[in-house]
Amino acid sequence: MTNLTSLVYMSVAVDDLTDDQLVAMLREARLRNDALGVSGLLLAKGGRFMQVLEGPAWSVEDRYAAIERDPRHRDVKSLSRETIDARRFDGWSMAFGNPSDADVRDEPGFNTFLSERSGLPAELAGSPADWLLRWFRGRDLQDVPEEQMSLARHAA
């Protein structure tokens, strides 16, 4: 069995992104991550991103380094990094807000974790990624001071 790496990071969006821009990001990331063998979940909320990346260590580290250089993000911070025995996400998906456009909700890879409180994979239970994703979903991040964001980083 191959050991895989799971990495959770948080960042701040440089600009407000429209649903169309987020869908374009979803499509682009699904293609690239699939080619690199990376699975996971990206949450976009309140001008912030939180993402779980999982896969072979080299591909996860490659994706994370590219994200650190991506001009759409600032304040990129790794929150959790762990070795896992098996993938906990099937493919790669993204959740953002509650789009009114049905075409967005039907987009392959769109995830309802933020809008419908849908569950996470059972294999994730009790992991740092599970805690961080639920923390992110439960906060109004536009009003969260940086000190509390720091607490989230240290709690994981």
C-alpha atoms as a PDB file:
ATOM      1  CA  MET A   1       0.000   0.000   0.000  1.00  0.00           C
ATOM      2  CA  THR A   2       1.313   3.398  -0.970  1.00  0.00           C
ATOM      3  CA  ASN A   3       1.407   6.095   1.663  1.00  0.00           C
ATOM      4  CA  LEU A   4      -0.369   9.246   0.645  1.00  0.00           C
ATOM      5  CA  THR A   5      -0.104  12.775   1.985  1.00  0.00           C
ATOM      6  CA  SER A   6      -3.039  14.894   3.100  1.00  0.00           C
ATOM      7  CA  LEU A   7      -2.441  18.634   3.354  1.00  0.00           C
ATOM      8  CA  VAL A   8      -4.912  21.308   4.505  1.00  0.00           C
ATOM      9  CA  TYR A   9      -4.213  24.980   3.842  1.00  0.00           C
ATOM     10  CA  MET A  10      -6.083  28.242   4.136  1.00  0.00           C
ATOM     11  CA  SER A  11      -5.615  31.411   2.083  1.00  0.00           C
ATOM     12  CA  VAL A  12      -7.261  34.727   1.347  1.00  0.00           C
ATOM     13  CA  ALA A  13      -8.639  35.574  -2.097  1.00  0.00           C
ATOM     14  CA  VAL A  14      -7.030  38.666  -3.592  1.00  0.00           C
ATOM     15  CA  ASP A  15     -10.284  39.670  -5.345  1.00  0.00           C
ATOM     16  CA  ASP A  16     -13.953  38.880  -4.873  1.00  0.00           C
ATOM     17  CA  LEU A  17     -14.688  36.025  -7.239  1.00  0.00           C
ATOM     18  CA  THR A  18     -17.973  35.574  -9.080  1.00  0.00           C
ATOM     19  CA  ASP A  19     -19.701  32.207  -9.375  1.00  0.00           C
ATOM     20  CA  ASP A  20     -18.563  32.076 -13.026  1.00  0.00           C
ATOM     21  CA  GLN A  21     -14.932  32.624 -11.996  1.00  0.00           C
ATOM     22  CA  LEU A  22     -15.239  29.950  -9.303  1.00  0.00           C
ATOM     23  CA  VAL A  23     -16.720  27.493 -11.813  1.00  0.00           C
ATOM     24  CA  ALA A  24     -13.812  28.210 -14.180  1.00  0.00           C
ATOM     25  CA  MET A  25     -11.412  27.552 -11.275  1.00  0.00           C
ATOM     26  CA  LEU A  26     -13.271  24.308 -10.502  1.00  0.00           C
ATOM     27  CA  ARG A  27     -13.001  23.065 -14.104  1.00  0.00           C
ATOM     28  CA  GLU A  28      -9.335  23.973 -14.405  1.00  0.00           C
ATOM     29  CA  ALA A  29      -8.403  22.412 -11.070  1.00  0.00           C
ATOM     30  CA  ARG A  30     -10.308  19.180 -11.747  1.00  0.00           C
ATOM     31  CA  LEU A  31      -8.365  18.629 -14.974  1.00  0.00           C
ATOM     32  CA  ARG A  32      -4.977  19.438 -13.472  1.00  0.00           C
ATOM     33  CA  ASN A  33      -5.499  17.582 -10.203  1.00  0.00           C
ATOM     34  CA  ASP A  34      -6.797  14.492 -11.979  1.00  0.00           C
ATOM     35  CA  ALA A  35      -3.703  14.464 -14.199  1.00  0.00           C
ATOM     36  CA  LEU A  36      -1.480  14.700 -11.100  1.00  0.00           C
ATOM     37  CA  GLY A  37      -3.379  12.117  -9.054  1.00  0.00           C
ATOM     38  CA  VAL A  38      -4.564  14.680  -6.496  1.00  0.00           C
ATOM     39  CA  SER A  39      -7.961  14.439  -4.849  1.00  0.00           C
ATOM     40  CA  GLY A  40      -9.588  16.596  -2.191  1.00  0.00           C
ATOM     41  CA  LEU A  41     -11.988  19.422  -1.513  1.00  0.00           C
ATOM     42  CA  LEU A  42     -11.735  23.193  -1.947  1.00  0.00           C
ATOM     43  CA  LEU A  43     -14.021  25.486   0.054  1.00  0.00           C
ATOM     44  CA  ALA A  44     -14.444  29.128  -0.963  1.00  0.00           C
ATOM     45  CA  LYS A  45     -16.273  31.334   1.522  1.00  0.00           C
ATOM     46  CA  GLY A  46     -16.113  34.864   2.839  1.00  0.00           C
ATOM     47  CA  GLY A  47     -13.140  35.769   0.675  1.00  0.00           C
ATOM     48  CA  ARG A  48     -11.121  32.825   2.016  1.00  0.00           C
ATOM     49  CA  PHE A  49     -10.184  29.410   0.725  1.00  0.00           C
ATOM     50  CA  MET A  50      -9.600  26.201   2.651  1.00  0.00           C
ATOM     51  CA  GLN A  51      -8.481  23.157   0.739  1.00  0.00           C
ATOM     52  CA  VAL A  52      -7.642  19.542   1.463  1.00  0.00           C
ATOM     53  CA  LEU A  53      -5.196  18.074  -1.035  1.00  0.00           C
ATOM     54  CA  GLU A  54      -4.405  14.369  -0.941  1.00  0.00           C
ATOM     55  CA  GLY A  55      -2.281  12.122  -3.082  1.00  0.00           C
ATOM     56  CA  PRO A  56       1.342  11.093  -3.532  1.00  0.00           C
ATOM     57  CA  ALA A  57       3.569  13.434  -1.517  1.00  0.00           C
ATOM     58  CA  TRP A  58       5.346  14.840  -4.602  1.00  0.00           C
ATOM     59  CA  SER A  59       2.075  15.790  -6.322  1.00  0.00           C
ATOM     60  CA  VAL A  60       0.532  17.323  -3.188  1.00  0.00           C
ATOM     61  CA  GLU A  61       3.678  19.366  -2.562  1.00  0.00           C
ATOM     62  CA  ASP A  62       3.761  20.436  -6.222  1.00  0.00           C
ATOM     63  CA  ARG A  63       0.131  21.630  -6.054  1.00  0.00           C
ATOM     64  CA  TYR A  64       0.725  23.446  -2.758  1.00  0.00           C
ATOM     65  CA  ALA A  65       3.820  25.214  -4.119  1.00  0.00           C
ATOM     66  CA  ALA A  66       1.831  26.313  -7.191  1.00  0.00           C
ATOM     67  CA  ILE A  67      -0.946  27.635  -4.942  1.00  0.00           C
ATOM     68  CA  GLU A  68       1.581  29.611  -2.890  1.00  0.00           C
ATOM     69  CA  ARG A  69       2.688  31.299  -6.142  1.00  0.00           C
ATOM     70  CA  ASP A  70      -0.857  31.790  -7.494  1.00  0.00           C
ATOM     71  CA  PRO A  71      -1.657  35.536  -7.667  1.00  0.00           C
ATOM     72  CA  ARG A  72      -5.316  34.823  -6.804  1.00  0.00           C
ATOM     73  CA  HIS A  73      -4.250  33.899  -3.242  1.00  0.00           C
ATOM     74  CA  ARG A  74      -2.432  35.684  -0.440  1.00  0.00           C
ATOM     75  CA  ASP A  75      -1.572  34.654   3.118  1.00  0.00           C
ATOM     76  CA  VAL A  76      -1.333  30.976   2.133  1.00  0.00           C
ATOM     77  CA  LYS A  77      -0.809  28.958   5.318  1.00  0.00           C
ATOM     78  CA  SER A  78      -0.445  25.220   5.782  1.00  0.00           C
ATOM     79  CA  LEU A  79      -2.680  24.074   8.668  1.00  0.00           C
ATOM     80  CA  SER A  80      -2.247  20.313   8.698  1.00  0.00           C
ATOM     81  CA  ARG A  81      -0.101  17.722   6.968  1.00  0.00           C
ATOM     82  CA  GLU A  82      -0.500  13.993   7.624  1.00  0.00           C
ATOM     83  CA  THR A  83       0.301  10.646   6.082  1.00  0.00           C
ATOM     84  CA  ILE A  84      -2.791   8.619   5.181  1.00  0.00           C
ATOM     85  CA  ASP A  85      -3.168   5.023   4.020  1.00  0.00           C
ATOM     86  CA  ALA A  86      -6.064   5.570   1.631  1.00  0.00           C
ATOM     87  CA  ARG A  87      -7.796   8.434  -0.136  1.00  0.00           C
ATOM     88  CA  ARG A  88     -10.713   9.964   1.708  1.00  0.00           C
ATOM     89  CA  PHE A  89     -12.049  11.983  -1.228  1.00  0.00           C
ATOM     90  CA  ASP A  90     -13.219  10.539  -4.512  1.00  0.00           C
ATOM     91  CA  GLY A  91     -11.755  12.873  -7.101  1.00  0.00           C
ATOM     92  CA  TRP A  92     -11.623  16.601  -6.483  1.00  0.00           C
ATOM     93  CA  SER A  93     -14.534  18.874  -5.698  1.00  0.00           C
ATOM     94  CA  MET A  94     -15.263  22.431  -4.695  1.00  0.00           C
ATOM     95  CA  ALA A  95     -17.914  24.084  -2.535  1.00  0.00           C
ATOM     96  CA  PHE A  96     -18.766  27.756  -2.577  1.00  0.00           C
ATOM     97  CA  GLY A  97     -21.746  29.666  -1.294  1.00  0.00           C
ATOM     98  CA  ASN A  98     -25.236  28.846  -2.437  1.00  0.00           C
ATOM     99  CA  PRO A  99     -25.341  29.662  -6.149  1.00  0.00           C
ATOM    100  CA  SER A 100     -28.779  30.421  -7.517  1.00  0.00           C
ATOM    101  CA  ASP A 101     -27.847  29.138 -10.962  1.00  0.00           C
ATOM    102  CA  ALA A 102     -28.881  25.473 -11.305  1.00  0.00           C
ATOM    103  CA  ASP A 103     -26.164  24.997 -13.943  1.00  0.00           C
ATOM    104  CA  VAL A 104     -23.551  25.773 -11.292  1.00  0.00           C
ATOM    105  CA  ARG A 105     -25.047  23.267  -8.850  1.00  0.00           C
ATOM    106  CA  ASP A 106     -25.040  20.646 -11.626  1.00  0.00           C
ATOM    107  CA  GLU A 107     -21.385  21.304 -12.518  1.00  0.00           C
ATOM    108  CA  PRO A 108     -19.287  18.122 -12.136  1.00  0.00           C
ATOM    109  CA  GLY A 109     -17.306  18.459  -8.929  1.00  0.00           C
ATOM    110  CA  PHE A 110     -19.572  21.051  -7.313  1.00  0.00           C
ATOM    111  CA  ASN A 111     -19.958  20.084  -3.648  1.00  0.00           C
ATOM    112  CA  THR A 112     -22.824  21.121  -1.345  1.00  0.00           C
ATOM    113  CA  PHE A 113     -20.801  20.897   1.889  1.00  0.00           C
ATOM    114  CA  LEU A 114     -21.183  24.626   2.615  1.00  0.00           C
ATOM    115  CA  SER A 115     -24.745  25.264   1.446  1.00  0.00           C
ATOM    116  CA  GLU A 116     -26.540  22.081   2.452  1.00  0.00           C
ATOM    117  CA  ARG A 117     -24.403  20.881   5.339  1.00  0.00           C
ATOM    118  CA  SER A 118     -23.738  17.689   3.427  1.00  0.00           C
ATOM    119  CA  GLY A 119     -21.448  15.205   5.095  1.00  0.00           C
ATOM    120  CA  LEU A 120     -17.808  14.453   4.649  1.00  0.00           C
ATOM    121  CA  PRO A 121     -16.366  11.028   3.860  1.00  0.00           C
ATOM    122  CA  ALA A 122     -16.640   8.740   6.895  1.00  0.00           C
ATOM    123  CA  GLU A 123     -12.923   7.967   6.602  1.00  0.00           C
ATOM    124  CA  LEU A 124     -12.193  11.614   7.449  1.00  0.00           C
ATOM    125  CA  ALA A 125     -13.851  11.437  10.894  1.00  0.00           C
ATOM    126  CA  GLY A 126     -11.615  12.539  13.748  1.00  0.00           C
ATOM    127  CA  SER A 127      -8.799  13.776  11.506  1.00  0.00           C
ATOM    128  CA  PRO A 128      -7.363  17.295  11.565  1.00  0.00           C
ATOM    129  CA  ALA A 129      -8.860  17.828   8.086  1.00  0.00           C
ATOM    130  CA  ASP A 130     -12.334  16.906   9.392  1.00  0.00           C
ATOM    131  CA  TRP A 131     -12.073  19.391  12.255  1.00  0.00           C
ATOM    132  CA  LEU A 132     -10.715  22.184  10.056  1.00  0.00           C
ATOM    133  CA  LEU A 133     -13.357  21.775   7.336  1.00  0.00           C
ATOM    134  CA  ARG A 134     -16.189  21.805   9.885  1.00  0.00           C
ATOM    135  CA  TRP A 135     -14.647  24.852  11.625  1.00  0.00           C
ATOM    136  CA  PHE A 136     -14.435  26.680   8.281  1.00  0.00           C
ATOM    137  CA  ARG A 137     -18.042  25.832   7.373  1.00  0.00           C
ATOM    138  CA  GLY A 138     -19.368  27.063  10.716  1.00  0.00           C
ATOM    139  CA  ARG A 139     -17.779  30.534  10.676  1.00  0.00           C
ATOM    140  CA  ASP A 140     -18.678  33.872   9.132  1.00  0.00           C
ATOM    141  CA  LEU A 141     -15.117  34.419   7.960  1.00  0.00           C
ATOM    142  CA  GLN A 142     -15.500  38.016   6.896  1.00  0.00           C
ATOM    143  CA  ASP A 143     -15.878  38.920  10.570  1.00  0.00           C
ATOM    144  CA  VAL A 144     -13.248  36.565  11.991  1.00  0.00           C
ATOM    145  CA  PRO A 145     -10.198  38.465  13.245  1.00  0.00           C
ATOM    146  CA  GLU A 146      -6.753  37.192  12.300  1.00  0.00           C
ATOM    147  CA  GLU A 147      -6.165  36.058  15.911  1.00  0.00           C
ATOM    148  CA  GLN A 148      -8.987  33.525  15.620  1.00  0.00           C
ATOM    149  CA  MET A 149      -7.694  32.341  12.252  1.00  0.00           C
ATOM    150  CA  SER A 150      -4.404  31.760  14.013  1.00  0.00           C
ATOM    151  CA  LEU A 151      -6.194  29.688  16.664  1.00  0.00           C
ATOM    152  CA  ALA A 152      -7.593  27.450  13.932  1.00  0.00           C
ATOM    153  CA  ARG A 153      -4.108  26.892  12.590  1.00  0.00           C
ATOM    154  CA  HIS A 154      -2.802  25.901  16.025  1.00  0.00           C
ATOM    155  CA  ALA A 155      -5.810  23.775  17.015  1.00  0.00           C
ATOM    156  CA  ALA A 156      -5.240  21.398  14.122  1.00  0.00           C
END
